[in-house]
Amino acid sequence: MQFRLNMKSKTLALALTILCMLVPFSMGQQEAPSKSSDKTDKGRKVQKVNVVAERFNFTPSQIKVQQGTLLEITLTSDDTFHGFRIPSMQINQVIPARGRGSVKVVFDAKQKGSFAFECSRPCGAGHTMMRGVIIVE
């Protein structure tokens, strides 16, 4: 009985050690803000944009995209947890705090117009000022 308990404890300790070693590799991966365009397998244009949330603003806060393009937004935070909501598109994601990774949102630019986005997670006194816009041309 004693041997089984020790073997289970050793197995659990080994599993936890491996998990603790792997977690840092999967979290906190951040990319510098940039824009790029690719084509999907179906020939549809994909525009990639990195957006950083920090102390009551998004950088960039204005994103322009051509109609018919898929906009892939990678969101990171330089401070605390924030949110990213596009009310007219039913998109609402939590942006992890600094060092805890990123989140991707895909916006399908089907129709022309302006689509406001905002922080959806209370983050301090200037939270209500934390807004931006996607402009589909």
N, C-alpha and C. Protein backbone atom coordinates (compact mmCIF):
# COMPACT_ATOMS: atom_id res chain seq x y z
N MET A 1 0.82 -1.19 0.00
CA MET A 1 0.00 0.00 0.00
C MET A 1 0.87 1.27 0.00
N GLN A 2 1.90 1.23 0.82
CA GLN A 2 2.80 2.39 0.91
C GLN A 2 3.47 2.64 -0.44
N PHE A 3 3.87 1.61 -1.15
CA PHE A 3 4.52 1.75 -2.45
C PHE A 3 3.60 2.41 -3.47
N ARG A 4 2.33 2.01 -3.49
CA ARG A 4 1.36 2.59 -4.43
C ARG A 4 1.19 4.08 -4.18
N LEU A 5 1.08 4.45 -2.94
CA LEU A 5 0.89 5.85 -2.61
C LEU A 5 2.11 6.66 -3.03
N ASN A 6 3.28 6.15 -2.78
CA ASN A 6 4.50 6.85 -3.18
C ASN A 6 4.60 6.94 -4.70
N MET A 7 4.24 5.89 -5.40
CA MET A 7 4.30 5.89 -6.86
C MET A 7 3.30 6.89 -7.43
N LYS A 8 2.11 6.96 -6.86
CA LYS A 8 1.12 7.95 -7.30
C LYS A 8 1.62 9.36 -7.03
N SER A 9 2.22 9.58 -5.88
CA SER A 9 2.75 10.91 -5.55
C SER A 9 3.85 11.31 -6.51
N LYS A 10 4.75 10.36 -6.83
CA LYS A 10 5.84 10.65 -7.76
C LYS A 10 5.30 10.95 -9.15
N THR A 11 4.30 10.19 -9.59
CA THR A 11 3.70 10.41 -10.90
C THR A 11 3.03 11.77 -10.95
N LEU A 12 2.32 12.11 -9.90
CA LEU A 12 1.65 13.41 -9.84
C LEU A 12 2.68 14.54 -9.83
N ALA A 13 3.74 14.38 -9.07
CA ALA A 13 4.79 15.41 -9.01
C ALA A 13 5.44 15.59 -10.38
N LEU A 14 5.69 14.49 -11.08
CA LEU A 14 6.30 14.56 -12.41
C LEU A 14 5.36 15.26 -13.39
N ALA A 15 4.08 14.92 -13.35
CA ALA A 15 3.10 15.54 -14.24
C ALA A 15 3.00 17.05 -13.97
N LEU A 16 2.98 17.44 -12.71
CA LEU A 16 2.91 18.86 -12.37
C LEU A 16 4.18 19.61 -12.81
N THR A 17 5.32 18.96 -12.68
CA THR A 17 6.59 19.57 -13.11
C THR A 17 6.57 19.81 -14.60
N ILE A 18 6.14 18.82 -15.37
CA ILE A 18 6.08 18.96 -16.82
C ILE A 18 5.10 20.06 -17.21
N LEU A 19 3.94 20.10 -16.56
CA LEU A 19 2.94 21.13 -16.84
C LEU A 19 3.50 22.52 -16.55
N CYS A 20 4.19 22.67 -15.43
CA CYS A 20 4.77 23.98 -15.07
C CYS A 20 5.84 24.41 -16.07
N MET A 21 6.50 23.45 -16.68
CA MET A 21 7.52 23.79 -17.67
C MET A 21 6.89 24.20 -19.00
N LEU A 22 5.74 23.63 -19.33
CA LEU A 22 5.10 23.90 -20.62
C LEU A 22 4.28 25.18 -20.62
N VAL A 23 3.68 25.55 -19.50
CA VAL A 23 2.80 26.72 -19.45
C VAL A 23 3.49 28.00 -19.91
N PRO A 24 4.72 28.32 -19.46
CA PRO A 24 5.34 29.56 -19.93
C PRO A 24 5.54 29.62 -21.45
N PHE A 25 5.70 28.47 -22.09
CA PHE A 25 5.88 28.46 -23.53
C PHE A 25 4.59 28.75 -24.27
N SER A 26 3.45 28.47 -23.64
CA SER A 26 2.18 28.68 -24.34
C SER A 26 1.54 30.01 -24.00
N MET A 27 2.06 30.72 -23.01
CA MET A 27 1.47 31.99 -22.60
C MET A 27 2.47 33.12 -22.80
N GLY A 28 1.95 34.31 -22.94
CA GLY A 28 2.81 35.47 -23.00
C GLY A 28 3.46 35.70 -24.34
N GLN A 29 3.06 34.98 -25.35
CA GLN A 29 3.63 35.16 -26.68
C GLN A 29 3.00 36.40 -27.28
N GLN A 30 3.80 37.41 -27.52
CA GLN A 30 3.27 38.65 -28.04
C GLN A 30 4.01 39.03 -29.30
N GLU A 31 3.32 39.74 -30.18
CA GLU A 31 3.92 40.22 -31.41
C GLU A 31 3.86 41.74 -31.41
N ALA A 32 4.79 42.35 -32.10
CA ALA A 32 4.79 43.81 -32.21
C ALA A 32 3.62 44.24 -33.09
N PRO A 33 3.04 45.41 -32.84
CA PRO A 33 1.94 45.87 -33.67
C PRO A 33 2.36 45.97 -35.13
N SER A 34 1.57 45.37 -36.00
CA SER A 34 1.88 45.43 -37.43
C SER A 34 0.63 45.13 -38.22
N LYS A 35 0.72 45.38 -39.51
CA LYS A 35 -0.36 45.07 -40.43
C LYS A 35 0.23 44.22 -41.53
N SER A 36 -0.51 43.22 -41.97
CA SER A 36 -0.07 42.43 -43.11
C SER A 36 -1.29 41.88 -43.82
N SER A 37 -1.08 41.46 -45.05
CA SER A 37 -2.17 40.89 -45.82
C SER A 37 -1.73 39.56 -46.39
N ASP A 38 -2.63 38.61 -46.39
CA ASP A 38 -2.41 37.30 -46.97
C ASP A 38 -3.64 36.93 -47.77
N LYS A 39 -3.55 35.82 -48.47
CA LYS A 39 -4.72 35.27 -49.17
C LYS A 39 -5.02 33.91 -48.57
N THR A 40 -6.29 33.60 -48.41
CA THR A 40 -6.68 32.30 -47.91
C THR A 40 -6.65 31.31 -49.08
N ASP A 41 -6.89 30.04 -48.76
CA ASP A 41 -6.91 29.02 -49.81
C ASP A 41 -7.96 29.32 -50.87
N LYS A 42 -9.03 29.98 -50.50
CA LYS A 42 -10.11 30.28 -51.43
C LYS A 42 -9.87 31.59 -52.18
N GLY A 43 -8.70 32.21 -51.97
CA GLY A 43 -8.38 33.45 -52.66
C GLY A 43 -8.93 34.68 -51.98
N ARG A 44 -9.56 34.52 -50.84
CA ARG A 44 -10.11 35.67 -50.11
C ARG A 44 -8.99 36.37 -49.35
N LYS A 45 -8.97 37.67 -49.43
CA LYS A 45 -7.92 38.45 -48.79
C LYS A 45 -8.10 38.46 -47.27
N VAL A 46 -6.99 38.30 -46.56
CA VAL A 46 -6.98 38.36 -45.10
C VAL A 46 -6.02 39.47 -44.69
N GLN A 47 -6.51 40.41 -43.89
CA GLN A 47 -5.67 41.49 -43.37
C GLN A 47 -5.46 41.22 -41.89
N LYS A 48 -4.19 41.18 -41.47
CA LYS A 48 -3.86 40.93 -40.07
C LYS A 48 -3.39 42.22 -39.41
N VAL A 49 -3.92 42.48 -38.23
CA VAL A 49 -3.56 43.69 -37.49
C VAL A 49 -3.36 43.31 -36.03
N ASN A 50 -2.29 43.82 -35.43
CA ASN A 50 -2.06 43.66 -33.99
C ASN A 50 -2.53 44.93 -33.29
N VAL A 51 -3.35 44.76 -32.27
CA VAL A 51 -3.88 45.88 -31.51
C VAL A 51 -3.47 45.70 -30.05
N VAL A 52 -2.94 46.78 -29.47
CA VAL A 52 -2.51 46.76 -28.07
C VAL A 52 -3.48 47.61 -27.25
N ALA A 53 -3.99 47.02 -26.17
CA ALA A 53 -4.86 47.73 -25.24
C ALA A 53 -4.01 48.16 -24.05
N GLU A 54 -4.14 49.44 -23.69
CA GLU A 54 -3.37 49.93 -22.55
C GLU A 54 -3.96 51.23 -22.02
N ARG A 55 -4.15 51.28 -20.76
CA ARG A 55 -4.58 52.47 -20.03
C ARG A 55 -5.50 53.39 -20.83
N PHE A 56 -6.65 52.88 -21.12
CA PHE A 56 -7.76 53.64 -21.70
C PHE A 56 -7.63 53.98 -23.17
N ASN A 57 -6.84 53.20 -23.93
CA ASN A 57 -6.84 53.37 -25.38
C ASN A 57 -6.41 52.09 -26.07
N PHE A 58 -6.78 52.01 -27.33
CA PHE A 58 -6.35 50.93 -28.21
C PHE A 58 -5.36 51.53 -29.21
N THR A 59 -4.29 50.80 -29.52
CA THR A 59 -3.33 51.25 -30.51
C THR A 59 -3.14 50.15 -31.54
N PRO A 60 -3.53 50.38 -32.79
CA PRO A 60 -4.20 51.57 -33.32
C PRO A 60 -5.67 51.58 -32.91
N SER A 61 -6.26 52.76 -32.92
CA SER A 61 -7.68 52.89 -32.57
C SER A 61 -8.55 53.01 -33.82
N GLN A 62 -7.92 53.13 -34.98
CA GLN A 62 -8.65 53.17 -36.24
C GLN A 62 -8.01 52.16 -37.20
N ILE A 63 -8.85 51.27 -37.72
CA ILE A 63 -8.39 50.24 -38.64
C ILE A 63 -9.19 50.34 -39.92
N LYS A 64 -8.50 50.46 -41.05
CA LYS A 64 -9.18 50.51 -42.34
C LYS A 64 -8.99 49.18 -43.05
N VAL A 65 -10.06 48.72 -43.69
CA VAL A 65 -10.04 47.44 -44.39
C VAL A 65 -10.94 47.54 -45.63
N GLN A 66 -10.59 46.84 -46.67
CA GLN A 66 -11.40 46.83 -47.89
C GLN A 66 -12.58 45.86 -47.72
N GLN A 67 -13.70 46.22 -48.28
CA GLN A 67 -14.89 45.37 -48.23
C GLN A 67 -14.56 44.00 -48.81
N GLY A 68 -15.06 42.96 -48.20
CA GLY A 68 -14.84 41.59 -48.65
C GLY A 68 -13.63 40.92 -48.03
N THR A 69 -12.89 41.66 -47.23
CA THR A 69 -11.68 41.15 -46.59
C THR A 69 -12.03 40.56 -45.23
N LEU A 70 -11.28 39.53 -44.84
CA LEU A 70 -11.36 39.03 -43.48
C LEU A 70 -10.29 39.77 -42.67
N LEU A 71 -10.68 40.41 -41.61
CA LEU A 71 -9.76 41.15 -40.75
C LEU A 71 -9.47 40.29 -39.53
N GLU A 72 -8.21 39.90 -39.38
CA GLU A 72 -7.79 39.10 -38.23
C GLU A 72 -7.06 40.02 -37.26
N ILE A 73 -7.66 40.24 -36.10
CA ILE A 73 -7.12 41.16 -35.10
C ILE A 73 -6.53 40.34 -33.95
N THR A 74 -5.24 40.54 -33.69
CA THR A 74 -4.59 39.92 -32.54
C THR A 74 -4.50 40.98 -31.46
N LEU A 75 -5.11 40.69 -30.31
CA LEU A 75 -5.23 41.66 -29.22
C LEU A 75 -4.34 41.27 -28.05
N THR A 76 -3.54 42.23 -27.58
CA THR A 76 -2.73 42.04 -26.38
C THR A 76 -2.94 43.25 -25.47
N SER A 77 -2.55 43.09 -24.22
CA SER A 77 -2.64 44.19 -23.26
C SER A 77 -1.25 44.51 -22.73
N ASP A 78 -0.99 45.79 -22.50
CA ASP A 78 0.26 46.22 -21.89
C ASP A 78 0.09 46.50 -20.40
N ASP A 79 -1.09 46.21 -19.87
CA ASP A 79 -1.27 46.39 -18.43
C ASP A 79 -2.23 45.33 -17.87
N THR A 80 -3.46 45.67 -17.62
CA THR A 80 -4.41 44.79 -16.97
C THR A 80 -5.32 44.09 -18.00
N PHE A 81 -6.29 43.33 -17.50
CA PHE A 81 -7.27 42.72 -18.39
C PHE A 81 -8.14 43.81 -19.00
N HIS A 82 -8.45 43.66 -20.27
CA HIS A 82 -9.36 44.55 -20.96
C HIS A 82 -10.36 43.69 -21.72
N GLY A 83 -11.30 44.34 -22.36
CA GLY A 83 -12.25 43.63 -23.22
C GLY A 83 -12.21 44.24 -24.60
N PHE A 84 -12.71 43.50 -25.57
CA PHE A 84 -12.82 43.99 -26.95
C PHE A 84 -14.20 43.62 -27.44
N ARG A 85 -15.04 44.63 -27.62
CA ARG A 85 -16.43 44.38 -28.04
C ARG A 85 -16.75 45.23 -29.26
N ILE A 86 -17.37 44.56 -30.25
CA ILE A 86 -17.96 45.24 -31.40
C ILE A 86 -19.46 44.99 -31.27
N PRO A 87 -20.20 45.91 -30.66
CA PRO A 87 -21.62 45.67 -30.36
C PRO A 87 -22.45 45.28 -31.57
N SER A 88 -22.20 45.90 -32.72
CA SER A 88 -23.02 45.62 -33.89
C SER A 88 -22.75 44.25 -34.50
N MET A 89 -21.68 43.59 -34.08
CA MET A 89 -21.31 42.29 -34.65
C MET A 89 -21.38 41.14 -33.63
N GLN A 90 -21.86 41.43 -32.43
CA GLN A 90 -21.93 40.44 -31.36
C GLN A 90 -20.56 39.79 -31.09
N ILE A 91 -19.52 40.59 -31.14
CA ILE A 91 -18.16 40.14 -30.81
C ILE A 91 -17.82 40.71 -29.44
N ASN A 92 -17.36 39.85 -28.53
CA ASN A 92 -16.96 40.30 -27.20
C ASN A 92 -15.94 39.32 -26.65
N GLN A 93 -14.68 39.75 -26.51
CA GLN A 93 -13.60 38.90 -26.03
C GLN A 93 -12.86 39.59 -24.89
N VAL A 94 -12.33 38.79 -23.98
CA VAL A 94 -11.47 39.30 -22.92
C VAL A 94 -10.04 39.30 -23.43
N ILE A 95 -9.35 40.41 -23.23
CA ILE A 95 -7.92 40.51 -23.59
C ILE A 95 -7.13 40.20 -22.33
N PRO A 96 -6.28 39.16 -22.37
CA PRO A 96 -5.51 38.81 -21.17
C PRO A 96 -4.57 39.93 -20.73
N ALA A 97 -4.29 39.99 -19.44
CA ALA A 97 -3.36 40.98 -18.89
C ALA A 97 -1.95 40.76 -19.46
N ARG A 98 -1.12 41.78 -19.36
CA ARG A 98 0.25 41.74 -19.87
C ARG A 98 0.96 40.46 -19.43
N GLY A 99 1.62 39.82 -20.39
CA GLY A 99 2.37 38.61 -20.11
C GLY A 99 1.54 37.35 -20.08
N ARG A 100 0.25 37.45 -20.31
CA ARG A 100 -0.61 36.26 -20.25
C ARG A 100 -1.14 35.85 -21.61
N GLY A 101 -0.54 36.34 -22.67
CA GLY A 101 -0.92 35.90 -24.01
C GLY A 101 -1.74 36.92 -24.77
N SER A 102 -2.40 36.42 -25.79
CA SER A 102 -3.20 37.27 -26.66
C SER A 102 -4.47 36.54 -27.04
N VAL A 103 -5.35 37.25 -27.71
CA VAL A 103 -6.59 36.66 -28.20
C VAL A 103 -6.78 37.15 -29.64
N LYS A 104 -7.34 36.29 -30.49
CA LYS A 104 -7.60 36.68 -31.88
C LYS A 104 -9.09 36.81 -32.12
N VAL A 105 -9.43 37.83 -32.90
CA VAL A 105 -10.81 38.08 -33.30
C VAL A 105 -10.81 38.20 -34.82
N VAL A 106 -11.77 37.54 -35.46
CA VAL A 106 -11.90 37.66 -36.92
C VAL A 106 -13.16 38.46 -37.22
N PHE A 107 -12.96 39.53 -37.98
CA PHE A 107 -14.04 40.42 -38.38
C PHE A 107 -14.23 40.26 -39.88
N ASP A 108 -15.42 39.89 -40.30
CA ASP A 108 -15.73 39.71 -41.73
C ASP A 108 -16.27 41.03 -42.27
N ALA A 109 -15.46 41.70 -43.09
CA ALA A 109 -15.84 43.02 -43.62
C ALA A 109 -16.75 42.85 -44.84
N LYS A 110 -17.96 42.38 -44.61
CA LYS A 110 -18.92 42.12 -45.69
C LYS A 110 -19.51 43.40 -46.26
N GLN A 111 -19.76 44.36 -45.39
CA GLN A 111 -20.44 45.57 -45.84
C GLN A 111 -19.65 46.82 -45.47
N LYS A 112 -19.78 47.84 -46.30
CA LYS A 112 -19.10 49.11 -46.04
C LYS A 112 -19.72 49.80 -44.83
N GLY A 113 -18.89 50.59 -44.17
CA GLY A 113 -19.38 51.36 -43.03
C GLY A 113 -18.35 51.46 -41.94
N SER A 114 -18.77 52.06 -40.83
CA SER A 114 -17.92 52.21 -39.65
C SER A 114 -18.47 51.32 -38.55
N PHE A 115 -17.58 50.58 -37.91
CA PHE A 115 -17.96 49.65 -36.86
C PHE A 115 -17.16 49.99 -35.61
N ALA A 116 -17.85 50.55 -34.62
CA ALA A 116 -17.20 50.97 -33.38
C ALA A 116 -16.83 49.75 -32.54
N PHE A 117 -15.67 49.85 -31.89
CA PHE A 117 -15.31 48.85 -30.88
C PHE A 117 -14.96 49.56 -29.60
N GLU A 118 -15.03 48.82 -28.49
CA GLU A 118 -14.83 49.42 -27.17
C GLU A 118 -14.31 48.38 -26.20
N CYS A 119 -13.80 48.87 -25.08
CA CYS A 119 -13.40 47.98 -23.99
C CYS A 119 -14.67 47.55 -23.25
N SER A 120 -14.82 46.27 -23.06
CA SER A 120 -16.03 45.75 -22.43
C SER A 120 -15.79 45.26 -21.00
N ARG A 121 -14.61 45.53 -20.48
CA ARG A 121 -14.28 45.11 -19.13
C ARG A 121 -13.84 46.34 -18.33
N PRO A 122 -14.55 46.70 -17.27
CA PRO A 122 -14.18 47.88 -16.49
C PRO A 122 -12.70 47.82 -16.09
N CYS A 123 -11.96 48.87 -16.46
CA CYS A 123 -10.51 48.85 -16.28
C CYS A 123 -9.97 50.10 -15.60
N GLY A 124 -10.85 50.95 -15.10
CA GLY A 124 -10.40 52.15 -14.40
C GLY A 124 -11.21 53.37 -14.77
N ALA A 125 -10.75 54.53 -14.31
CA ALA A 125 -11.49 55.78 -14.46
C ALA A 125 -11.74 56.17 -15.91
N GLY A 126 -10.85 55.85 -16.82
CA GLY A 126 -11.01 56.23 -18.23
C GLY A 126 -11.60 55.14 -19.10
N HIS A 127 -12.18 54.12 -18.48
CA HIS A 127 -12.72 52.97 -19.23
C HIS A 127 -13.69 53.38 -20.34
N THR A 128 -14.58 54.31 -20.05
CA THR A 128 -15.59 54.70 -21.05
C THR A 128 -15.00 55.42 -22.26
N MET A 129 -13.76 55.88 -22.15
CA MET A 129 -13.09 56.57 -23.26
C MET A 129 -12.34 55.59 -24.16
N MET A 130 -12.28 54.33 -23.77
CA MET A 130 -11.49 53.34 -24.48
C MET A 130 -12.28 52.79 -25.66
N ARG A 131 -12.11 53.44 -26.82
CA ARG A 131 -12.90 53.11 -28.00
C ARG A 131 -12.04 53.17 -29.25
N GLY A 132 -12.58 52.62 -30.33
CA GLY A 132 -11.93 52.68 -31.62
C GLY A 132 -12.95 52.40 -32.71
N VAL A 133 -12.46 52.30 -33.96
CA VAL A 133 -13.38 52.09 -35.08
C VAL A 133 -12.70 51.27 -36.19
N ILE A 134 -13.48 50.41 -36.79
CA ILE A 134 -13.06 49.68 -37.99
C ILE A 134 -13.83 50.32 -39.14
N ILE A 135 -13.10 50.78 -40.16
CA ILE A 135 -13.72 51.42 -41.31
C ILE A 135 -13.59 50.48 -42.50
N VAL A 136 -14.74 50.05 -43.01
CA VAL A 136 -14.77 49.17 -44.18
C VAL A 136 -15.04 50.04 -45.40
N GLU A 137 -14.08 50.09 -46.34
CA GLU A 137 -14.19 50.94 -47.53
C GLU A 137 -14.64 50.14 -48.74
